[in-house]
Amino acid sequence: MIAAKRRAILHWAAVTTFVGPFLLMLLMFQYVPVVRMVWDSLWDFALLNPDKRTFVGLGNYLDAFDDPDRRQAFAVTFGFAFGVVCLVIPISFFIAIYLNGRLPARAVVRTVVFLPVVTSSVVIATMWVFLLDPTNGLINGAIAMMGFKKLAFLTSKAQALPSIIGMMVWQQTGFATVLFLSGLQGIPRDLEDAARVDGCGWWQRLRHVVMPLLGRTTVFVVVIMTVFSLQAFAPALIMTGGGPEGTTDFIAFDIYQLAFALQQPGLASAISTLFMLVVMGVSLLQMRLMRSEWSY
């Protein structure tokens, strides 16, 4: 009895030693700031004079709903996320199919695809600013060499958001590919071999064997890519500054502008709270709608 209690004490002591610091950091840097954010959203104050504040209750939330600029920022952000997810998922899926096969140059393709993922978002955004420069950019140079008219890219209201979507797809495809590849490598070969013996072609095996068994991985990738896209900040800050005319004004950048440039942290906290709830709702809805009934 005494030995069992001693083992239990030692077990919980080991758990506390290894898990305790992580839980403490999670509490300090994740949950406490969220609670403070919600509290600040109920006040009107300036960062330069935080002690002088006025309680406004839900006033900041009402202002956020009534402001057309905030509504535009939400629309731009979700349009951006939709475009990124719709492009990243099929591209990364078929790249993962290629890397999962016995084909040449797999190691080279894997390195090239994953390299943008481990590169800083600031570095990537800066690099694409030079690539998309309307006058001396490399891409416009290639377009001019082919005899076509140069494009405005980041300075055009119609082209700025698609340009950033293209940059984000290039950056995030590698991460999604790795996730799909791990899911593909977990599917037993016996199932595909049995389908091949039954006379199923490549598309039939992909459609009726691989894709259903990859359902849970697909849900995870969709949710992760959606959250990553909704949190986009560096492209707006470095590439466009939210312009032209708010067409790339993402929510994260809008919150930053309100809090630090316009000195309205209360309103910024209210928008952050609303955005957090919306992102949580979207993620839960995606997991609900895309819930896989297949397992292996």
Foldseek 3Di string as FASTA:
>chain_A
DVVVVVVVVVVVVVCCVVCVVVVVCCCVVPVVVLVVLVVLLQWWDFPVCRVDIDGNGCVLVVVLVPDVLNVLQVVLLQVLLVLLLVPLLVVLLVLLVVLLDPDPPSVVSLCQQQVLQPDDPLVLLVLVLQCLCQPRHPVQVVCVVVPHHGDRACADLVRPSVSVSVSVSSRCSSVLNVLSNVQQVPFDVVVVVVCVVVPDDPVRCCVPPVVLQCLVSSLVSSLVSSVVSLQDDSNCVRRHVCDDVNSNNHLNNVLVCVVPVVRGSNSSSSSVSVSVVVSVVVSVVSCVVSPHPDHD
